[in-house]
Structure formats: C-alpha cells, structure tokens
C-alpha cells in the first residue's frame, strides 16, 4: 500500500515542526512538503499534489479557508484538514463550505491528528469532538444570522466585511476615519444582532446574498 502523501502548511515554525513529528510517527504517512503561508501552500499543492493537506486557518497572504476553496476548485483530489484555534460553529461551517474534509483544533490531543488523517483518507469527514458539539448547537445559526444581517446599518455592514477581511480595529478606524471606540461600539452591536458571543466568530459569517 502506498503511503499517504501529505502537505503541511503552518506559519509558526515550532508548531509546524511538532505537527510534522506527529505525522511522521504514523507508518502510513510521508510529509512531502511544508509551507509557511497560503501562497506557498498553493504553489506546493500544485507541484506535489498530495493526498491530504493540513492547513492552518490563519496564515499570511492567503488563509487556510481561502486555500481550501482554491483546492476544491483546482485540485479536487486533494483532501483538506483545517487546523484552527477556534471551535466556533460558523468557522466550521465556512470550512466545510470551502471543501474541507476535517476540522481539527490546535489544542486537541495528539491522537486526534492521527484519527483525523485516517478518517479523511478513508473518505469520511472528521471534526474535533468540541467542534462537533458546537456545530450541533448552531444548526439554526444561518437563519438567525441572516435575519440579523438584515438589521445591520450600512456602516455596520462595512465594518463587518472589514473584520471578515482580517483588518484590526485600528486599521478599520483609520480606513473609515472614525475612532477605535466607535468601531468597537459598532462591532458590539453587530455581535448582539447576529447572536455571536466571541469576536473570532465574526470572521466566519457569510455576508453574500
């Protein structure tokens, strides 16, 4: 049986080294490439066409979700596992929409990495246990959030899109020529209307349509 060929994309060198060590402890796995940002990951994915790619959700240039979406369109044979700090249901849903087959938390037990790789290699979808429970709790989330989006002001829509785009409070304040405190006030109102309790959860909102 041929080994599973894997690509690992993570911008923190120590984290990437630890993940590689864990992966190479699996007899059926060989790591064929490593990337430190999303652009490099896409290049190496095209070059090596691995069986599975483990992608950090928060990488420079292109994040893991953006890379996963490109992989789904251009390299559909490559299966993606997203690696994230966030167990927020909206993040998970966005990852699955982007074509990811697995969603693994960075604080998961090492054995979960092996479970995720083997499940995804076998054609299944793998979610960390904490993530799976959050997804169940947010089944009604899209309808609630769509209603909330309809209640936002144009300025709040603009700020939400900038948050999704990765801009900080200070960057948004400079772009819109308003104070950081005003940005924070709008952000709090957006979170209340969308029934989101963690700032990180805003990044997973789908504002299309």
N, C-alpha and C. Protein backbone atom coordinates (compact mmCIF):
# COMPACT_ATOMS: atom_id res chain seq x y z
N UNK A 1 0.84 -1.19 0.00
CA UNK A 1 0.00 0.00 0.00
C UNK A 1 0.88 1.26 0.00
N UNK A 2 0.58 2.19 -0.90
CA UNK A 2 1.37 3.41 -0.99
C UNK A 2 1.12 4.30 0.22
N UNK A 3 2.16 5.00 0.68
CA UNK A 3 1.97 5.89 1.83
C UNK A 3 1.09 7.07 1.47
N UNK A 4 0.44 7.62 2.48
CA UNK A 4 -0.33 8.85 2.29
C UNK A 4 0.64 10.01 2.17
N UNK A 5 0.55 10.72 1.08
CA UNK A 5 1.44 11.86 0.85
C UNK A 5 0.76 13.10 1.39
N UNK A 6 1.45 13.83 2.27
CA UNK A 6 0.83 14.94 2.96
C UNK A 6 1.63 16.22 2.82
N UNK A 7 0.88 17.32 2.75
CA UNK A 7 1.47 18.66 2.81
C UNK A 7 1.02 19.32 4.10
N UNK A 8 1.93 20.05 4.73
CA UNK A 8 1.67 20.71 5.99
C UNK A 8 1.91 22.21 5.83
N UNK A 9 0.88 23.02 6.09
CA UNK A 9 1.00 24.47 5.97
C UNK A 9 0.66 25.13 7.30
N UNK A 10 1.66 25.76 7.90
CA UNK A 10 1.53 26.40 9.23
C UNK A 10 2.63 27.45 9.33
N UNK A 11 2.26 28.68 9.69
CA UNK A 11 3.25 29.74 9.66
C UNK A 11 4.15 29.78 10.89
N UNK A 12 3.79 29.09 11.96
CA UNK A 12 4.66 29.06 13.15
C UNK A 12 5.61 27.85 13.05
N UNK A 13 6.88 28.13 13.05
CA UNK A 13 7.87 27.10 12.78
C UNK A 13 7.83 25.97 13.81
N UNK A 14 7.74 26.32 15.09
CA UNK A 14 7.72 25.28 16.13
C UNK A 14 6.48 24.41 16.03
N UNK A 15 5.33 25.03 15.78
CA UNK A 15 4.09 24.27 15.63
C UNK A 15 4.20 23.33 14.42
N UNK A 16 4.75 23.84 13.33
CA UNK A 16 4.88 23.02 12.12
C UNK A 16 5.82 21.84 12.36
N UNK A 17 6.90 22.09 13.09
CA UNK A 17 7.84 21.00 13.38
C UNK A 17 7.18 19.93 14.25
N UNK A 18 6.39 20.37 15.23
CA UNK A 18 5.70 19.42 16.09
C UNK A 18 4.69 18.59 15.33
N UNK A 19 3.94 19.23 14.43
CA UNK A 19 2.96 18.51 13.63
C UNK A 19 3.65 17.51 12.71
N UNK A 20 4.76 17.93 12.11
CA UNK A 20 5.48 17.01 11.23
C UNK A 20 5.96 15.78 12.01
N UNK A 21 6.46 16.01 13.19
CA UNK A 21 6.92 14.89 14.02
C UNK A 21 5.79 13.92 14.31
N UNK A 22 4.61 14.45 14.65
CA UNK A 22 3.45 13.60 14.93
C UNK A 22 3.03 12.83 13.69
N UNK A 23 3.00 13.51 12.56
CA UNK A 23 2.58 12.85 11.32
C UNK A 23 3.55 11.74 10.92
N UNK A 24 4.84 11.99 11.09
CA UNK A 24 5.82 11.01 10.66
C UNK A 24 5.92 9.82 11.61
N UNK A 25 5.25 9.90 12.74
CA UNK A 25 5.15 8.74 13.62
C UNK A 25 4.12 7.74 13.11
N UNK A 26 3.31 8.16 12.14
CA UNK A 26 2.33 7.27 11.52
C UNK A 26 3.00 6.52 10.37
N UNK A 27 2.96 5.20 10.43
CA UNK A 27 3.66 4.38 9.43
C UNK A 27 3.20 4.65 8.01
N UNK A 28 1.91 5.00 7.85
CA UNK A 28 1.34 5.11 6.51
C UNK A 28 1.46 6.51 5.92
N UNK A 29 2.17 7.42 6.61
CA UNK A 29 2.23 8.82 6.19
C UNK A 29 3.65 9.23 5.81
N UNK A 30 3.76 10.02 4.75
CA UNK A 30 5.00 10.71 4.45
C UNK A 30 4.68 12.17 4.14
N UNK A 31 5.42 13.08 4.77
CA UNK A 31 5.22 14.52 4.54
C UNK A 31 6.09 14.91 3.35
N UNK A 32 5.44 15.35 2.27
CA UNK A 32 6.17 15.64 1.03
C UNK A 32 6.53 17.12 0.91
N UNK A 33 5.86 17.99 1.68
CA UNK A 33 6.16 19.42 1.56
C UNK A 33 5.64 20.17 2.78
N UNK A 34 6.27 21.30 3.06
CA UNK A 34 5.84 22.20 4.13
C UNK A 34 5.75 23.62 3.58
N UNK A 35 4.76 24.37 4.07
CA UNK A 35 4.60 25.76 3.65
C UNK A 35 4.40 26.64 4.87
N UNK A 36 4.81 27.89 4.75
CA UNK A 36 4.68 28.83 5.86
C UNK A 36 3.62 29.91 5.61
N UNK A 37 3.01 29.90 4.42
CA UNK A 37 1.92 30.84 4.14
C UNK A 37 1.03 30.25 3.05
N UNK A 38 -0.11 30.91 2.81
CA UNK A 38 -1.09 30.36 1.89
C UNK A 38 -0.64 30.34 0.44
N UNK A 39 0.09 31.35 0.01
CA UNK A 39 0.56 31.39 -1.37
C UNK A 39 1.56 30.25 -1.64
N UNK A 40 2.47 30.07 -0.69
CA UNK A 40 3.44 28.97 -0.83
C UNK A 40 2.72 27.62 -0.80
N UNK A 41 1.70 27.51 0.04
CA UNK A 41 0.94 26.27 0.13
C UNK A 41 0.30 25.93 -1.22
N UNK A 42 -0.33 26.92 -1.86
CA UNK A 42 -0.96 26.67 -3.16
C UNK A 42 0.07 26.23 -4.20
N UNK A 43 1.21 26.87 -4.20
CA UNK A 43 2.27 26.50 -5.16
C UNK A 43 2.71 25.05 -4.94
N UNK A 44 2.95 24.70 -3.67
CA UNK A 44 3.43 23.35 -3.36
C UNK A 44 2.35 22.30 -3.58
N UNK A 45 1.09 22.68 -3.34
CA UNK A 45 -0.01 21.75 -3.61
C UNK A 45 -0.08 21.42 -5.09
N UNK A 46 0.07 22.43 -5.93
CA UNK A 46 0.04 22.21 -7.38
C UNK A 46 1.24 21.38 -7.83
N UNK A 47 2.38 21.62 -7.20
CA UNK A 47 3.61 20.92 -7.56
C UNK A 47 3.59 19.46 -7.14
N UNK A 48 3.16 19.20 -5.90
CA UNK A 48 3.27 17.85 -5.34
C UNK A 48 1.97 17.05 -5.40
N UNK A 49 0.82 17.73 -5.46
CA UNK A 49 -0.49 17.07 -5.49
C UNK A 49 -0.58 15.94 -4.44
N UNK A 50 -0.48 16.31 -3.16
CA UNK A 50 -0.52 15.30 -2.10
C UNK A 50 -1.93 14.72 -1.94
N UNK A 51 -2.03 13.67 -1.15
CA UNK A 51 -3.34 13.09 -0.86
C UNK A 51 -4.11 13.98 0.11
N UNK A 52 -3.41 14.50 1.11
CA UNK A 52 -4.04 15.29 2.17
C UNK A 52 -3.19 16.53 2.46
N UNK A 53 -3.87 17.65 2.69
CA UNK A 53 -3.19 18.87 3.11
C UNK A 53 -3.73 19.29 4.46
N UNK A 54 -2.85 19.53 5.42
CA UNK A 54 -3.24 20.08 6.72
C UNK A 54 -2.92 21.57 6.67
N UNK A 55 -3.95 22.40 6.76
CA UNK A 55 -3.79 23.85 6.58
C UNK A 55 -4.18 24.62 7.83
N UNK A 56 -3.28 25.45 8.32
CA UNK A 56 -3.62 26.37 9.40
C UNK A 56 -4.66 27.35 8.89
N UNK A 57 -5.67 27.64 9.70
CA UNK A 57 -6.73 28.54 9.26
C UNK A 57 -6.25 29.98 9.14
N UNK A 58 -5.23 30.36 9.90
CA UNK A 58 -4.78 31.77 9.94
C UNK A 58 -3.34 31.86 9.46
N UNK A 59 -3.18 31.93 8.13
CA UNK A 59 -1.84 32.07 7.55
C UNK A 59 -1.72 33.41 6.83
N UNK A 60 -0.51 33.90 6.66
CA UNK A 60 -0.32 35.15 5.90
C UNK A 60 -0.69 34.97 4.42
N UNK A 61 -1.02 36.08 3.79
CA UNK A 61 -1.28 36.18 2.34
C UNK A 61 -2.60 35.53 1.93
N UNK A 62 -2.72 34.23 2.11
CA UNK A 62 -4.00 33.54 1.92
C UNK A 62 -4.23 32.69 3.15
N UNK A 63 -5.43 32.78 3.74
CA UNK A 63 -5.68 31.95 4.92
C UNK A 63 -6.08 30.54 4.50
N UNK A 64 -6.20 29.67 5.49
CA UNK A 64 -6.49 28.27 5.20
C UNK A 64 -7.80 28.05 4.49
N UNK A 65 -8.82 28.86 4.81
CA UNK A 65 -10.12 28.73 4.17
C UNK A 65 -10.04 29.12 2.69
N UNK A 66 -9.28 30.17 2.41
CA UNK A 66 -9.11 30.60 1.02
C UNK A 66 -8.35 29.55 0.22
N UNK A 67 -7.33 28.97 0.83
CA UNK A 67 -6.58 27.91 0.15
C UNK A 67 -7.48 26.70 -0.09
N UNK A 68 -8.27 26.33 0.92
CA UNK A 68 -9.17 25.18 0.78
C UNK A 68 -10.15 25.37 -0.36
N UNK A 69 -10.69 26.58 -0.49
CA UNK A 69 -11.64 26.86 -1.57
C UNK A 69 -10.97 26.73 -2.93
N UNK A 70 -9.72 27.21 -3.04
CA UNK A 70 -8.98 27.08 -4.30
C UNK A 70 -8.69 25.61 -4.60
N UNK A 71 -8.33 24.87 -3.56
CA UNK A 71 -8.06 23.44 -3.74
C UNK A 71 -9.30 22.72 -4.25
N UNK A 72 -10.45 23.05 -3.68
CA UNK A 72 -11.69 22.40 -4.09
C UNK A 72 -11.96 22.62 -5.58
N UNK A 73 -11.64 23.81 -6.08
CA UNK A 73 -11.87 24.13 -7.49
C UNK A 73 -10.80 23.56 -8.41
N UNK A 74 -9.53 23.65 -7.98
CA UNK A 74 -8.43 23.35 -8.88
C UNK A 74 -7.78 21.98 -8.66
N UNK A 75 -7.85 21.47 -7.42
CA UNK A 75 -7.23 20.18 -7.09
C UNK A 75 -8.20 19.34 -6.26
N UNK A 76 -9.34 18.98 -6.82
CA UNK A 76 -10.39 18.32 -6.02
C UNK A 76 -9.99 16.97 -5.43
N UNK A 77 -8.91 16.38 -5.97
CA UNK A 77 -8.47 15.10 -5.43
C UNK A 77 -7.72 15.25 -4.10
N UNK A 78 -7.29 16.47 -3.77
CA UNK A 78 -6.58 16.72 -2.51
C UNK A 78 -7.60 16.95 -1.40
N UNK A 79 -7.49 16.20 -0.32
CA UNK A 79 -8.40 16.35 0.81
C UNK A 79 -7.76 17.27 1.86
N UNK A 80 -8.55 18.19 2.38
CA UNK A 80 -8.03 19.23 3.26
C UNK A 80 -8.52 19.03 4.69
N UNK A 81 -7.59 19.17 5.63
CA UNK A 81 -7.91 19.24 7.05
C UNK A 81 -7.53 20.64 7.52
N UNK A 82 -8.48 21.37 8.09
CA UNK A 82 -8.21 22.70 8.62
C UNK A 82 -7.77 22.58 10.08
N UNK A 83 -6.71 23.29 10.41
CA UNK A 83 -6.18 23.32 11.77
C UNK A 83 -6.46 24.71 12.35
N UNK A 84 -7.14 24.76 13.51
CA UNK A 84 -7.62 26.05 14.00
C UNK A 84 -7.58 26.14 15.52
N UNK A 85 -7.51 27.38 16.00
CA UNK A 85 -7.67 27.65 17.44
C UNK A 85 -9.13 27.75 17.82
N UNK A 86 -10.02 27.92 16.82
CA UNK A 86 -11.40 28.31 17.10
C UNK A 86 -12.38 27.16 16.90
N UNK A 87 -13.22 26.93 17.91
CA UNK A 87 -14.25 25.91 17.83
C UNK A 87 -15.61 26.49 17.45
N UNK A 88 -15.63 27.76 17.06
CA UNK A 88 -16.87 28.44 16.73
C UNK A 88 -17.56 27.75 15.55
N UNK A 89 -18.88 27.50 15.70
CA UNK A 89 -19.63 26.80 14.68
C UNK A 89 -19.56 27.46 13.32
N UNK A 90 -19.56 28.80 13.28
CA UNK A 90 -19.55 29.50 12.00
C UNK A 90 -18.24 29.25 11.25
N UNK A 91 -17.12 29.16 11.98
CA UNK A 91 -15.85 28.85 11.35
C UNK A 91 -15.90 27.46 10.71
N UNK A 92 -16.44 26.51 11.45
CA UNK A 92 -16.50 25.14 10.97
C UNK A 92 -17.36 25.06 9.71
N UNK A 93 -18.52 25.71 9.76
CA UNK A 93 -19.42 25.69 8.60
C UNK A 93 -18.75 26.30 7.38
N UNK A 94 -18.01 27.38 7.59
CA UNK A 94 -17.31 28.01 6.48
C UNK A 94 -16.24 27.09 5.92
N UNK A 95 -15.54 26.37 6.80
CA UNK A 95 -14.51 25.43 6.36
C UNK A 95 -15.12 24.31 5.52
N UNK A 96 -16.26 23.80 5.96
CA UNK A 96 -16.91 22.72 5.22
C UNK A 96 -17.43 23.23 3.87
N UNK A 97 -17.94 24.45 3.84
CA UNK A 97 -18.39 25.04 2.57
C UNK A 97 -17.21 25.21 1.61
N UNK A 98 -16.03 25.48 2.17
CA UNK A 98 -14.84 25.65 1.34
C UNK A 98 -14.28 24.32 0.83
N UNK A 99 -14.87 23.23 1.30
CA UNK A 99 -14.45 21.92 0.82
C UNK A 99 -13.59 21.12 1.76
N UNK A 100 -13.31 21.64 2.96
CA UNK A 100 -12.50 20.88 3.93
C UNK A 100 -13.20 19.60 4.34
N UNK A 101 -12.43 18.56 4.55
CA UNK A 101 -12.96 17.27 4.99
C UNK A 101 -12.70 17.02 6.47
N UNK A 102 -11.90 17.90 7.09
CA UNK A 102 -11.62 17.76 8.51
C UNK A 102 -11.41 19.11 9.14
N UNK A 103 -11.70 19.21 10.44
CA UNK A 103 -11.50 20.45 11.19
C UNK A 103 -10.97 20.05 12.55
N UNK A 104 -9.72 20.38 12.80
CA UNK A 104 -9.02 19.92 13.99
C UNK A 104 -8.56 21.12 14.81
N UNK A 105 -8.83 21.08 16.10
CA UNK A 105 -8.41 22.16 16.99
C UNK A 105 -6.93 22.00 17.37
N UNK A 106 -6.24 23.12 17.52
CA UNK A 106 -4.81 23.08 17.85
C UNK A 106 -4.56 22.55 19.26
N UNK A 107 -5.58 22.63 20.13
CA UNK A 107 -5.37 22.11 21.49
C UNK A 107 -5.91 20.68 21.63
N UNK A 108 -6.20 20.03 20.50
CA UNK A 108 -6.66 18.64 20.55
C UNK A 108 -5.52 17.73 21.00
N UNK A 109 -5.89 16.57 21.51
CA UNK A 109 -4.89 15.57 21.89
C UNK A 109 -4.16 15.08 20.63
N UNK A 110 -2.86 14.77 20.74
CA UNK A 110 -2.11 14.31 19.56
C UNK A 110 -2.77 13.15 18.81
N UNK A 111 -3.44 12.27 19.55
CA UNK A 111 -4.07 11.12 18.89
C UNK A 111 -5.14 11.57 17.91
N UNK A 112 -5.73 12.76 18.14
CA UNK A 112 -6.78 13.24 17.24
C UNK A 112 -6.24 13.53 15.84
N UNK A 113 -4.99 13.94 15.75
CA UNK A 113 -4.41 14.19 14.44
C UNK A 113 -4.39 12.91 13.61
N UNK A 114 -3.98 11.83 14.23
CA UNK A 114 -3.97 10.54 13.53
C UNK A 114 -5.39 10.11 13.16
N UNK A 115 -6.33 10.30 14.07
CA UNK A 115 -7.72 9.94 13.80
C UNK A 115 -8.26 10.75 12.62
N UNK A 116 -7.94 12.04 12.61
CA UNK A 116 -8.42 12.91 11.53
C UNK A 116 -7.83 12.48 10.18
N UNK A 117 -6.54 12.23 10.15
CA UNK A 117 -5.88 11.83 8.90
C UNK A 117 -6.47 10.54 8.37
N UNK A 118 -6.64 9.57 9.24
CA UNK A 118 -7.15 8.26 8.80
C UNK A 118 -8.61 8.35 8.36
N UNK A 119 -9.40 9.15 9.07
CA UNK A 119 -10.81 9.31 8.69
C UNK A 119 -10.92 9.98 7.32
N UNK A 120 -10.19 11.06 7.12
CA UNK A 120 -10.25 11.80 5.86
C UNK A 120 -9.68 10.95 4.71
N UNK A 121 -8.63 10.21 4.99
CA UNK A 121 -8.06 9.33 3.96
C UNK A 121 -9.07 8.27 3.53
N UNK A 122 -9.93 7.86 4.47
CA UNK A 122 -10.94 6.85 4.17
C UNK A 122 -12.22 7.41 3.57
N UNK A 123 -12.23 8.72 3.30
CA UNK A 123 -13.40 9.32 2.67
C UNK A 123 -14.42 9.90 3.62
N UNK A 124 -14.12 9.90 4.92
CA UNK A 124 -15.05 10.45 5.91
C UNK A 124 -14.71 11.91 6.22
N UNK A 125 -15.62 12.57 6.92
CA UNK A 125 -15.37 13.91 7.45
C UNK A 125 -15.05 13.78 8.93
N UNK A 126 -14.01 14.48 9.37
CA UNK A 126 -13.62 14.42 10.79
C UNK A 126 -13.70 15.81 11.41
N UNK A 127 -14.42 15.90 12.53
CA UNK A 127 -14.48 17.13 13.32
C UNK A 127 -14.02 16.81 14.74
N UNK A 128 -13.17 17.66 15.30
CA UNK A 128 -12.83 17.51 16.72
C UNK A 128 -14.09 17.43 17.54
N UNK A 129 -14.04 16.69 18.64
CA UNK A 129 -15.25 16.44 19.43
C UNK A 129 -15.89 17.74 19.89
N UNK A 130 -15.09 18.71 20.33
CA UNK A 130 -15.63 20.00 20.76
C UNK A 130 -16.31 20.71 19.61
N UNK A 131 -15.70 20.62 18.44
CA UNK A 131 -16.25 21.25 17.24
C UNK A 131 -17.58 20.62 16.86
N UNK A 132 -17.66 19.31 16.91
CA UNK A 132 -18.89 18.62 16.52
C UNK A 132 -20.07 19.07 17.38
N UNK A 133 -19.84 19.24 18.69
CA UNK A 133 -20.92 19.68 19.57
C UNK A 133 -21.33 21.11 19.27
N UNK A 134 -20.37 21.97 18.93
CA UNK A 134 -20.68 23.36 18.58
C UNK A 134 -21.52 23.42 17.30
N UNK A 135 -21.18 22.57 16.34
CA UNK A 135 -21.93 22.55 15.08
C UNK A 135 -23.37 22.14 15.33
N UNK A 136 -23.56 21.14 16.17
CA UNK A 136 -24.92 20.72 16.51
C UNK A 136 -25.70 21.86 17.14
N UNK A 137 -25.05 22.61 18.03
CA UNK A 137 -25.73 23.70 18.72
C UNK A 137 -26.08 24.84 17.79
N UNK A 138 -25.37 24.96 16.67
CA UNK A 138 -25.58 26.10 15.77
C UNK A 138 -26.33 25.73 14.50
N UNK A 139 -27.08 24.62 14.53
CA UNK A 139 -27.81 24.18 13.35
C UNK A 139 -28.75 25.28 12.84
N UNK A 140 -29.34 26.03 13.77
CA UNK A 140 -30.25 27.09 13.38
C UNK A 140 -29.53 28.41 13.11
N UNK A 141 -28.19 28.38 13.28
CA UNK A 141 -27.42 29.61 13.17
C UNK A 141 -27.60 30.41 11.90
N UNK A 142 -27.54 29.78 10.70
CA UNK A 142 -27.63 30.56 9.48
C UNK A 142 -28.91 31.39 9.37
N UNK A 143 -30.05 30.84 9.77
CA UNK A 143 -31.30 31.60 9.69
C UNK A 143 -31.28 32.78 10.65
N UNK A 144 -30.80 32.55 11.87
CA UNK A 144 -30.71 33.62 12.86
C UNK A 144 -29.77 34.71 12.37
N UNK A 145 -28.62 34.29 11.82
CA UNK A 145 -27.64 35.26 11.36
C UNK A 145 -28.13 36.03 10.13
N UNK A 146 -28.86 35.35 9.23
CA UNK A 146 -29.37 36.05 8.05
C UNK A 146 -30.35 37.15 8.47
N UNK A 147 -31.20 36.83 9.45
CA UNK A 147 -32.13 37.84 9.95
C UNK A 147 -31.34 38.99 10.58
N UNK A 148 -30.31 38.66 11.34
CA UNK A 148 -29.50 39.70 11.97
C UNK A 148 -28.80 40.58 10.96
N UNK A 149 -28.30 39.99 9.87
CA UNK A 149 -27.62 40.76 8.83
C UNK A 149 -28.56 41.79 8.21
N UNK A 150 -29.83 41.43 8.10
CA UNK A 150 -30.80 42.35 7.51
C UNK A 150 -31.05 43.56 8.40
N UNK A 151 -30.72 43.44 9.69
CA UNK A 151 -30.95 44.54 10.63
C UNK A 151 -29.75 45.48 10.75
N UNK A 152 -28.63 45.14 10.12
CA UNK A 152 -27.43 45.97 10.25
C UNK A 152 -27.54 47.24 9.41
N UNK A 153 -26.92 48.30 9.90
CA UNK A 153 -26.85 49.54 9.14
C UNK A 153 -25.76 49.40 8.06
N UNK A 154 -25.76 50.27 7.05
CA UNK A 154 -24.69 50.21 6.04
C UNK A 154 -23.29 50.30 6.65
N UNK A 155 -23.12 51.17 7.66
CA UNK A 155 -21.81 51.29 8.30
C UNK A 155 -21.43 49.99 8.99
N UNK A 156 -22.40 49.34 9.65
CA UNK A 156 -22.13 48.08 10.34
C UNK A 156 -21.79 46.98 9.33
N UNK A 157 -22.46 46.96 8.18
CA UNK A 157 -22.10 46.00 7.13
C UNK A 157 -20.66 46.22 6.68
N UNK A 158 -20.27 47.48 6.51
CA UNK A 158 -18.91 47.79 6.08
C UNK A 158 -17.90 47.29 7.10
N UNK A 159 -18.15 47.58 8.36
CA UNK A 159 -17.22 47.15 9.42
C UNK A 159 -17.16 45.63 9.50
N UNK A 160 -18.30 44.96 9.37
CA UNK A 160 -18.31 43.51 9.41
C UNK A 160 -17.46 42.94 8.27
N UNK A 161 -17.61 43.47 7.07
CA UNK A 161 -16.82 42.98 5.94
C UNK A 161 -15.32 43.20 6.17
N UNK A 162 -14.98 44.31 6.81
CA UNK A 162 -13.57 44.57 7.08
C UNK A 162 -13.02 43.62 8.14
N UNK A 163 -13.84 43.29 9.13
CA UNK A 163 -13.43 42.30 10.13
C UNK A 163 -13.20 40.95 9.46
N UNK A 164 -14.15 40.56 8.59
CA UNK A 164 -14.02 39.28 7.87
C UNK A 164 -12.74 39.29 7.02
N UNK A 165 -12.41 40.47 6.49
CA UNK A 165 -11.20 40.60 5.69
C UNK A 165 -9.91 40.61 6.48
N UNK A 166 -10.03 40.54 7.81
CA UNK A 166 -8.84 40.43 8.66
C UNK A 166 -8.28 41.74 9.19
N UNK A 167 -9.00 42.85 9.00
CA UNK A 167 -8.50 44.13 9.49
C UNK A 167 -8.69 44.26 11.00
N UNK A 168 -7.76 44.90 11.65
CA UNK A 168 -7.85 45.15 13.08
C UNK A 168 -8.74 46.37 13.34
N UNK A 169 -9.09 46.56 14.61
CA UNK A 169 -9.90 47.72 14.99
C UNK A 169 -9.22 49.01 14.58
N UNK A 170 -7.93 49.12 14.81
CA UNK A 170 -7.19 50.33 14.47
C UNK A 170 -7.17 50.56 12.96
N UNK A 171 -7.00 49.50 12.19
CA UNK A 171 -6.97 49.63 10.74
C UNK A 171 -8.33 50.08 10.21
N UNK A 172 -9.40 49.51 10.77
CA UNK A 172 -10.75 49.91 10.35
C UNK A 172 -11.00 51.37 10.69
N UNK A 173 -10.58 51.76 11.89
CA UNK A 173 -10.76 53.16 12.31
C UNK A 173 -10.05 54.12 11.35
N UNK A 174 -8.83 53.77 10.95
CA UNK A 174 -8.09 54.63 10.03
C UNK A 174 -8.76 54.69 8.66
N UNK A 175 -9.21 53.52 8.17
CA UNK A 175 -9.84 53.47 6.86
C UNK A 175 -11.12 54.31 6.81
N UNK A 176 -11.93 54.20 7.87
CA UNK A 176 -13.23 54.88 7.90
C UNK A 176 -13.14 56.28 8.51
N UNK A 177 -11.96 56.62 9.02
CA UNK A 177 -11.73 57.93 9.65
C UNK A 177 -12.70 58.15 10.83
N UNK A 178 -12.78 57.13 11.66
CA UNK A 178 -13.56 57.21 12.89
C UNK A 178 -12.68 56.70 14.02
N UNK A 179 -13.13 56.85 15.25
CA UNK A 179 -12.31 56.42 16.39
C UNK A 179 -12.40 54.90 16.58
N UNK A 180 -11.37 54.35 17.21
CA UNK A 180 -11.38 52.93 17.52
C UNK A 180 -12.55 52.59 18.44
N UNK A 181 -12.88 53.50 19.35
CA UNK A 181 -14.00 53.28 20.26
C UNK A 181 -15.32 53.17 19.49
N UNK A 182 -15.47 53.97 18.43
CA UNK A 182 -16.68 53.89 17.60
C UNK A 182 -16.73 52.55 16.87
N UNK A 183 -15.60 52.10 16.37
CA UNK A 183 -15.54 50.78 15.71
C UNK A 183 -15.97 49.69 16.69
N UNK A 184 -15.44 49.76 17.91
CA UNK A 184 -15.78 48.75 18.92
C UNK A 184 -17.26 48.77 19.26
N UNK A 185 -17.85 49.97 19.27
CA UNK A 185 -19.28 50.08 19.54
C UNK A 185 -20.10 49.43 18.45
N UNK A 186 -19.73 49.70 17.20
CA UNK A 186 -20.44 49.06 16.07
C UNK A 186 -20.26 47.54 16.12
N UNK A 187 -19.03 47.10 16.42
CA UNK A 187 -18.76 45.66 16.48
C UNK A 187 -19.63 44.99 17.53
N UNK A 188 -19.77 45.62 18.70
CA UNK A 188 -20.60 45.06 19.76
C UNK A 188 -22.06 44.94 19.31
N UNK A 189 -22.56 45.95 18.59
CA UNK A 189 -23.94 45.91 18.10
C UNK A 189 -24.12 44.81 17.05
N UNK A 190 -23.11 44.65 16.19
CA UNK A 190 -23.17 43.59 15.18
C UNK A 190 -23.22 42.22 15.86
N UNK A 191 -22.36 42.01 16.86
CA UNK A 191 -22.34 40.72 17.56
C UNK A 191 -23.67 40.45 18.24
N UNK A 192 -24.26 41.48 18.83
CA UNK A 192 -25.55 41.30 19.50
C UNK A 192 -26.63 40.90 18.50
N UNK A 193 -26.67 41.57 17.36
CA UNK A 193 -27.71 41.29 16.37
C UNK A 193 -27.53 39.93 15.69
N UNK A 194 -26.28 39.47 15.61
CA UNK A 194 -26.00 38.18 14.99
C UNK A 194 -25.94 37.04 16.01
N UNK A 195 -26.16 37.37 17.27
CA UNK A 195 -26.14 36.38 18.35
C UNK A 195 -24.80 35.64 18.39
N UNK A 196 -23.72 36.42 18.30
CA UNK A 196 -22.37 35.87 18.37
C UNK A 196 -21.72 36.39 19.64
N UNK A 197 -21.06 35.49 20.36
CA UNK A 197 -20.53 35.84 21.68
C UNK A 197 -19.01 35.92 21.71
N UNK A 198 -18.36 35.59 20.60
CA UNK A 198 -16.91 35.68 20.51
C UNK A 198 -16.55 36.50 19.27
N UNK A 199 -15.61 37.42 19.43
CA UNK A 199 -15.21 38.26 18.29
C UNK A 199 -14.74 37.39 17.13
N UNK A 200 -14.02 36.30 17.44
CA UNK A 200 -13.50 35.43 16.38
C UNK A 200 -14.62 34.87 15.51
N UNK A 201 -15.81 34.71 16.09
CA UNK A 201 -16.92 34.16 15.33
C UNK A 201 -17.38 35.03 14.20
N UNK A 202 -17.09 36.34 14.23
CA UNK A 202 -17.49 37.24 13.15
C UNK A 202 -16.81 36.88 11.84
N UNK A 203 -15.59 36.34 11.92
CA UNK A 203 -14.83 36.04 10.71
C UNK A 203 -15.46 34.92 9.89
N UNK A 204 -16.32 34.12 10.52
CA UNK A 204 -16.94 33.02 9.78
C UNK A 204 -18.30 33.35 9.20
N UNK A 205 -18.77 34.60 9.35
CA UNK A 205 -20.09 34.98 8.84
C UNK A 205 -20.06 35.05 7.32
N UNK A 206 -21.11 34.50 6.70
CA UNK A 206 -21.26 34.57 5.24
C UNK A 206 -22.11 35.79 4.92
N UNK A 207 -21.50 36.82 4.34
CA UNK A 207 -22.23 38.07 4.06
C UNK A 207 -22.69 38.13 2.60
N UNK A 208 -22.58 37.03 1.87
CA UNK A 208 -23.05 37.04 0.49
C UNK A 208 -24.57 36.99 0.45
N UNK A 209 -25.11 37.50 -0.65
CA UNK A 209 -26.55 37.42 -0.86
C UNK A 209 -27.30 38.53 -0.21
